[in-house]
Amino acid sequence: MTEHLVLKNGTVFDPMNGIDGEVMDVCVSDGKIVEMAHRNAKVIDLKGNAVMAGGVDPHSHILGSSLN
């Protein structure tokens, strides 16, 4: 089943497109950013929250559990 979302009022950070903290709506359909929202899209108000591309957590423990 395709999920449609509107991430409303989020503070968007997108350096690839020169957007640095602009409050705007982001429309998502089937996991991809789209230009227009689907008429049945679920709206999530992100006022006061940041929206940015998926981050990767580089945190790791090289020795892992071998020390425990």
PDB file of N, CA and C in Angstrom:
ATOM      1  N   MET A   1       0.844  -1.187   0.000  1.00  0.00           N
ATOM      2  CA  MET A   1       0.000   0.000   0.000  1.00  0.00           C
ATOM      3  C   MET A   1       0.888   1.249   0.000  1.00  0.00           C
ATOM      4  N   THR A   2       0.581   2.173  -0.850  1.00  0.00           N
ATOM      5  CA  THR A   2       1.339   3.414  -0.960  1.00  0.00           C
ATOM      6  C   THR A   2       0.939   4.368   0.146  1.00  0.00           C
ATOM      7  N   GLU A   3       1.934   4.942   0.812  1.00  0.00           N
ATOM      8  CA  GLU A   3       1.667   5.922   1.862  1.00  0.00           C
ATOM      9  C   GLU A   3       1.979   7.314   1.334  1.00  0.00           C
ATOM     10  N   HIS A   4       1.067   8.243   1.619  1.00  0.00           N
ATOM     11  CA  HIS A   4       1.227   9.629   1.203  1.00  0.00           C
ATOM     12  C   HIS A   4       1.290  10.497   2.451  1.00  0.00           C
ATOM     13  N   LEU A   5       2.291  11.369   2.527  1.00  0.00           N
ATOM     14  CA  LEU A   5       2.476  12.238   3.688  1.00  0.00           C
ATOM     15  C   LEU A   5       2.713  13.677   3.257  1.00  0.00           C
ATOM     16  N   VAL A   6       2.294  14.600   4.120  1.00  0.00           N
ATOM     17  CA  VAL A   6       2.697  15.994   3.997  1.00  0.00           C
ATOM     18  C   VAL A   6       3.370  16.352   5.309  1.00  0.00           C
ATOM     19  N   LEU A   7       4.650  16.658   5.262  1.00  0.00           N
ATOM     20  CA  LEU A   7       5.397  17.099   6.430  1.00  0.00           C
ATOM     21  C   LEU A   7       5.283  18.618   6.435  1.00  0.00           C
ATOM     22  N   LYS A   8       4.398  19.132   7.270  1.00  0.00           N
ATOM     23  CA  LYS A   8       3.998  20.538   7.231  1.00  0.00           C
ATOM     24  C   LYS A   8       4.779  21.378   8.237  1.00  0.00           C
ATOM     25  N   ASN A   9       5.159  22.577   7.822  1.00  0.00           N
ATOM     26  CA  ASN A   9       5.787  23.576   8.699  1.00  0.00           C
ATOM     27  C   ASN A   9       7.137  23.157   9.268  1.00  0.00           C
ATOM     28  N   GLY A  10       7.844  22.260   8.612  1.00  0.00           N
ATOM     29  CA  GLY A  10       9.156  21.852   9.095  1.00  0.00           C
ATOM     30  C   GLY A  10      10.229  22.840   8.664  1.00  0.00           C
ATOM     31  N   THR A  11      11.270  22.955   9.472  1.00  0.00           N
ATOM     32  CA  THR A  11      12.418  23.790   9.117  1.00  0.00           C
ATOM     33  C   THR A  11      13.364  22.925   8.293  1.00  0.00           C
ATOM     34  N   VAL A  12      13.400  23.194   6.988  1.00  0.00           N
ATOM     35  CA  VAL A  12      14.102  22.324   6.043  1.00  0.00           C
ATOM     36  C   VAL A  12      15.552  22.766   5.845  1.00  0.00           C
ATOM     37  N   PHE A  13      16.449  21.778   5.907  1.00  0.00           N
ATOM     38  CA  PHE A  13      17.872  21.976   5.625  1.00  0.00           C
ATOM     39  C   PHE A  13      18.235  21.051   4.465  1.00  0.00           C
ATOM     40  N   ASP A  14      18.570  21.640   3.325  1.00  0.00           N
ATOM     41  CA  ASP A  14      18.911  20.879   2.123  1.00  0.00           C
ATOM     42  C   ASP A  14      20.041  21.593   1.391  1.00  0.00           C
ATOM     43  N   PRO A  15      21.293  21.363   1.810  1.00  0.00           N
ATOM     44  CA  PRO A  15      22.420  22.078   1.219  1.00  0.00           C
ATOM     45  C   PRO A  15      22.571  21.857  -0.286  1.00  0.00           C
ATOM     46  N   MET A  16      22.159  20.710  -0.797  1.00  0.00           N
ATOM     47  CA  MET A  16      22.272  20.432  -2.234  1.00  0.00           C
ATOM     48  C   MET A  16      21.420  21.394  -3.063  1.00  0.00           C
ATOM     49  N   ASN A  17      20.334  21.905  -2.453  1.00  0.00           N
ATOM     50  CA  ASN A  17      19.438  22.816  -3.162  1.00  0.00           C
ATOM     51  C   ASN A  17      19.436  24.216  -2.567  1.00  0.00           C
ATOM     52  N   GLY A  18      20.419  24.522  -1.726  1.00  0.00           N
ATOM     53  CA  GLY A  18      20.561  25.865  -1.165  1.00  0.00           C
ATOM     54  C   GLY A  18      19.493  26.253  -0.162  1.00  0.00           C
ATOM     55  N   ILE A  19      18.866  25.277   0.480  1.00  0.00           N
ATOM     56  CA  ILE A  19      17.838  25.564   1.486  1.00  0.00           C
ATOM     57  C   ILE A  19      18.479  25.412   2.860  1.00  0.00           C
ATOM     58  N   ASP A  20      18.521  26.512   3.611  1.00  0.00           N
ATOM     59  CA  ASP A  20      19.218  26.522   4.896  1.00  0.00           C
ATOM     60  C   ASP A  20      18.303  27.034   6.005  1.00  0.00           C
ATOM     61  N   GLY A  21      17.402  26.181   6.458  1.00  0.00           N
ATOM     62  CA  GLY A  21      16.530  26.542   7.569  1.00  0.00           C
ATOM     63  C   GLY A  21      15.262  27.256   7.155  1.00  0.00           C
ATOM     64  N   GLU A  22      14.730  26.931   5.995  1.00  0.00           N
ATOM     65  CA  GLU A  22      13.492  27.547   5.501  1.00  0.00           C
ATOM     66  C   GLU A  22      12.286  26.719   5.953  1.00  0.00           C
ATOM     67  N   VAL A  23      11.278  27.388   6.547  1.00  0.00           N
ATOM     68  CA  VAL A  23      10.058  26.694   6.970  1.00  0.00           C
ATOM     69  C   VAL A  23       9.213  26.427   5.731  1.00  0.00           C
ATOM     70  N   MET A  24       8.915  25.150   5.496  1.00  0.00           N
ATOM     71  CA  MET A  24       8.147  24.772   4.309  1.00  0.00           C
ATOM     72  C   MET A  24       7.510  23.404   4.492  1.00  0.00           C
ATOM     73  N   ASP A  25       6.669  23.021   3.551  1.00  0.00           N
ATOM     74  CA  ASP A  25       6.038  21.709   3.548  1.00  0.00           C
ATOM     75  C   ASP A  25       6.793  20.794   2.588  1.00  0.00           C
ATOM     76  N   VAL A  26       6.869  19.511   2.950  1.00  0.00           N
ATOM     77  CA  VAL A  26       7.498  18.515   2.093  1.00  0.00           C
ATOM     78  C   VAL A  26       6.470  17.412   1.855  1.00  0.00           C
ATOM     79  N   CYS A  27       6.220  17.093   0.594  1.00  0.00           N
ATOM     80  CA  CYS A  27       5.256  16.057   0.231  1.00  0.00           C
ATOM     81  C   CYS A  27       6.001  14.769  -0.097  1.00  0.00           C
ATOM     82  N   VAL A  28       5.505  13.658   0.453  1.00  0.00           N
ATOM     83  CA  VAL A  28       6.146  12.361   0.260  1.00  0.00           C
ATOM     84  C   VAL A  28       5.101  11.366  -0.225  1.00  0.00           C
ATOM     85  N   SER A  29       5.445  10.614  -1.254  1.00  0.00           N
ATOM     86  CA  SER A  29       4.562   9.572  -1.766  1.00  0.00           C
ATOM     87  C   SER A  29       5.394   8.327  -2.011  1.00  0.00           C
ATOM     88  N   ASP A  30       5.002   7.247  -1.384  1.00  0.00           N
ATOM     89  CA  ASP A  30       5.701   5.968  -1.531  1.00  0.00           C
ATOM     90  C   ASP A  30       7.191   6.084  -1.219  1.00  0.00           C
ATOM     91  N   GLY A  31       7.509   6.865  -0.180  1.00  0.00           N
ATOM     92  CA  GLY A  31       8.885   6.999   0.279  1.00  0.00           C
ATOM     93  C   GLY A  31       9.749   7.966  -0.511  1.00  0.00           C
ATOM     94  N   LYS A  32       9.156   8.672  -1.473  1.00  0.00           N
ATOM     95  CA  LYS A  32       9.919   9.615  -2.291  1.00  0.00           C
ATOM     96  C   LYS A  32       9.314  11.005  -2.193  1.00  0.00           C
ATOM     97  N   ILE A  33      10.172  12.024  -2.207  1.00  0.00           N
ATOM     98  CA  ILE A  33       9.698  13.406  -2.189  1.00  0.00           C
ATOM     99  C   ILE A  33       9.082  13.711  -3.547  1.00  0.00           C
ATOM    100  N   VAL A  34       7.865  14.283  -3.504  1.00  0.00           N
ATOM    101  CA  VAL A  34       7.142  14.623  -4.729  1.00  0.00           C
ATOM    102  C   VAL A  34       6.763  16.098  -4.710  1.00  0.00           C
ATOM    103  N   GLU A  35       6.394  16.621  -5.874  1.00  0.00           N
ATOM    104  CA  GLU A  35       6.093  18.042  -5.999  1.00  0.00           C
ATOM    105  C   GLU A  35       4.759  18.424  -5.370  1.00  0.00           C
ATOM    106  N   MET A  36       3.745  17.565  -5.525  1.00  0.00           N
ATOM    107  CA  MET A  36       2.412  17.886  -5.012  1.00  0.00           C
ATOM    108  C   MET A  36       1.916  16.765  -4.113  1.00  0.00           C
ATOM    109  N   ALA A  37       1.134  17.151  -3.103  1.00  0.00           N
ATOM    110  CA  ALA A  37       0.589  16.172  -2.166  1.00  0.00           C
ATOM    111  C   ALA A  37      -0.575  15.413  -2.785  1.00  0.00           C
ATOM    112  N   HIS A  38      -0.697  14.159  -2.418  1.00  0.00           N
ATOM    113  CA  HIS A  38      -1.856  13.354  -2.798  1.00  0.00           C
ATOM    114  C   HIS A  38      -3.053  13.852  -1.997  1.00  0.00           C
ATOM    115  N   ARG A  39      -4.235  13.810  -2.564  1.00  0.00           N
ATOM    116  CA  ARG A  39      -5.416  14.358  -1.880  1.00  0.00           C
ATOM    117  C   ARG A  39      -5.747  13.638  -0.575  1.00  0.00           C
ATOM    118  N   ASN A  40      -5.312  12.393  -0.423  1.00  0.00           N
ATOM    119  CA  ASN A  40      -5.576  11.637   0.807  1.00  0.00           C
ATOM    120  C   ASN A  40      -4.349  11.545   1.714  1.00  0.00           C
ATOM    121  N   ALA A  41      -3.411  12.449   1.534  1.00  0.00           N
ATOM    122  CA  ALA A  41      -2.161  12.395   2.299  1.00  0.00           C
ATOM    123  C   ALA A  41      -2.400  12.671   3.781  1.00  0.00           C
ATOM    124  N   LYS A  42      -1.667  11.953   4.604  1.00  0.00           N
ATOM    125  CA  LYS A  42      -1.671  12.199   6.046  1.00  0.00           C
ATOM    126  C   LYS A  42      -0.787  13.416   6.299  1.00  0.00           C
ATOM    127  N   VAL A  43      -1.292  14.372   7.084  1.00  0.00           N
ATOM    128  CA  VAL A  43      -0.548  15.602   7.371  1.00  0.00           C
ATOM    129  C   VAL A  43       0.068  15.506   8.761  1.00  0.00           C
ATOM    130  N   ILE A  44       1.365  15.758   8.845  1.00  0.00           N
ATOM    131  CA  ILE A  44       2.079  15.762  10.121  1.00  0.00           C
ATOM    132  C   ILE A  44       2.669  17.154  10.309  1.00  0.00           C
ATOM    133  N   ASP A  45       2.254  17.847  11.375  1.00  0.00           N
ATOM    134  CA  ASP A  45       2.753  19.200  11.639  1.00  0.00           C
ATOM    135  C   ASP A  45       4.099  19.109  12.348  1.00  0.00           C
ATOM    136  N   LEU A  46       5.141  19.609  11.708  1.00  0.00           N
ATOM    137  CA  LEU A  46       6.499  19.542  12.254  1.00  0.00           C
ATOM    138  C   LEU A  46       6.991  20.891  12.764  1.00  0.00           C
ATOM    139  N   LYS A  47       6.076  21.780  13.092  1.00  0.00           N
ATOM    140  CA  LYS A  47       6.461  23.111  13.569  1.00  0.00           C
ATOM    141  C   LYS A  47       7.492  22.981  14.691  1.00  0.00           C
ATOM    142  N   GLY A  48       8.604  23.693  14.537  1.00  0.00           N
ATOM    143  CA  GLY A  48       9.663  23.664  15.543  1.00  0.00           C
ATOM    144  C   GLY A  48      10.628  22.498  15.393  1.00  0.00           C
ATOM    145  N   ASN A  49      10.450  21.681  14.355  1.00  0.00           N
ATOM    146  CA  ASN A  49      11.318  20.529  14.134  1.00  0.00           C
ATOM    147  C   ASN A  49      12.071  20.667  12.815  1.00  0.00           C
ATOM    148  N   ALA A  50      13.246  20.081  12.759  1.00  0.00           N
ATOM    149  CA  ALA A  50      14.076  20.133  11.554  1.00  0.00           C
ATOM    150  C   ALA A  50      13.727  18.993  10.611  1.00  0.00           C
ATOM    151  N   VAL A  51      13.828  19.274   9.317  1.00  0.00           N
ATOM    152  CA  VAL A  51      13.639  18.265   8.274  1.00  0.00           C
ATOM    153  C   VAL A  51      14.902  18.278   7.422  1.00  0.00           C
ATOM    154  N   MET A  52      15.525  17.103   7.284  1.00  0.00           N
ATOM    155  CA  MET A  52      16.730  17.018   6.462  1.00  0.00           C
ATOM    156  C   MET A  52      16.845  15.611   5.902  1.00  0.00           C
ATOM    157  N   ALA A  53      17.715  15.460   4.946  1.00  0.00           N
ATOM    158  CA  ALA A  53      17.933  14.148   4.338  1.00  0.00           C
ATOM    159  C   ALA A  53      18.343  13.144   5.408  1.00  0.00           C
ATOM    160  N   GLY A  54      18.057  11.896   5.168  1.00  0.00           N
ATOM    161  CA  GLY A  54      18.377  10.847   6.125  1.00  0.00           C
ATOM    162  C   GLY A  54      19.828  10.883   6.544  1.00  0.00           C
ATOM    163  N   GLY A  55      20.041  10.954   7.823  1.00  0.00           N
ATOM    164  CA  GLY A  55      21.396  10.983   8.346  1.00  0.00           C
ATOM    165  C   GLY A  55      21.899   9.578   8.614  1.00  0.00           C
ATOM    166  N   VAL A  56      23.191   9.448   8.630  1.00  0.00           N
ATOM    167  CA  VAL A  56      23.818   8.174   8.944  1.00  0.00           C
ATOM    168  C   VAL A  56      24.571   8.355  10.251  1.00  0.00           C
ATOM    169  N   ASP A  57      24.325   7.477  11.202  1.00  0.00           N
ATOM    170  CA  ASP A  57      25.004   7.547  12.490  1.00  0.00           C
ATOM    171  C   ASP A  57      26.351   6.832  12.376  1.00  0.00           C
ATOM    172  N   PRO A  58      27.454   7.578  12.340  1.00  0.00           N
ATOM    173  CA  PRO A  58      28.764   6.951  12.191  1.00  0.00           C
ATOM    174  C   PRO A  58      29.304   6.370  13.501  1.00  0.00           C
ATOM    175  N   HIS A  59      28.548   6.467  14.568  1.00  0.00           N
ATOM    176  CA  HIS A  59      28.960   5.984  15.880  1.00  0.00           C
ATOM    177  C   HIS A  59      29.152   4.466  15.838  1.00  0.00           C
ATOM    178  N   SER A  60      30.302   4.025  16.262  1.00  0.00           N
ATOM    179  CA  SER A  60      30.541   2.582  16.334  1.00  0.00           C
ATOM    180  C   SER A  60      31.593   2.285  17.394  1.00  0.00           C
ATOM    181  N   HIS A  61      31.616   1.045  17.821  1.00  0.00           N
ATOM    182  CA  HIS A  61      32.620   0.565  18.764  1.00  0.00           C
ATOM    183  C   HIS A  61      33.450  -0.475  18.019  1.00  0.00           C
ATOM    184  N   ILE A  62      34.679  -0.135  17.731  1.00  0.00           N
ATOM    185  CA  ILE A  62      35.516  -1.006  16.907  1.00  0.00           C
ATOM    186  C   ILE A  62      35.735  -2.372  17.559  1.00  0.00           C
ATOM    187  N   LEU A  63      35.935  -2.384  18.859  1.00  0.00           N
ATOM    188  CA  LEU A  63      36.168  -3.659  19.535  1.00  0.00           C
ATOM    189  C   LEU A  63      34.871  -4.380  19.879  1.00  0.00           C
ATOM    190  N   GLY A  64      33.756  -3.677  19.759  1.00  0.00           N
ATOM    191  CA  GLY A  64      32.458  -4.302  19.981  1.00  0.00           C
ATOM    192  C   GLY A  64      32.333  -4.947  21.341  1.00  0.00           C
ATOM    193  N   SER A  65      31.691  -6.076  21.377  1.00  0.00           N
ATOM    194  CA  SER A  65      31.400  -6.747  22.645  1.00  0.00           C
ATOM    195  C   SER A  65      32.545  -7.629  23.129  1.00  0.00           C
ATOM    196  N   SER A  66      33.646  -7.677  22.411  1.00  0.00           N
ATOM    197  CA  SER A  66      34.754  -8.544  22.822  1.00  0.00           C
ATOM    198  C   SER A  66      35.375  -8.108  24.144  1.00  0.00           C
ATOM    199  N   LEU A  67      35.149  -6.848  24.548  1.00  0.00           N
ATOM    200  CA  LEU A  67      35.671  -6.376  25.826  1.00  0.00           C
ATOM    201  C   LEU A  67      34.742  -6.692  26.988  1.00  0.00           C
ATOM    202  N   ASN A  68      33.492  -6.983  26.688  1.00  0.00           N
ATOM    203  CA  ASN A  68      32.514  -7.237  27.765  1.00  0.00           C
ATOM    204  C   ASN A  68      32.620  -8.617  28.248  1.00  0.00           C
TER     205      ASN A  68
END
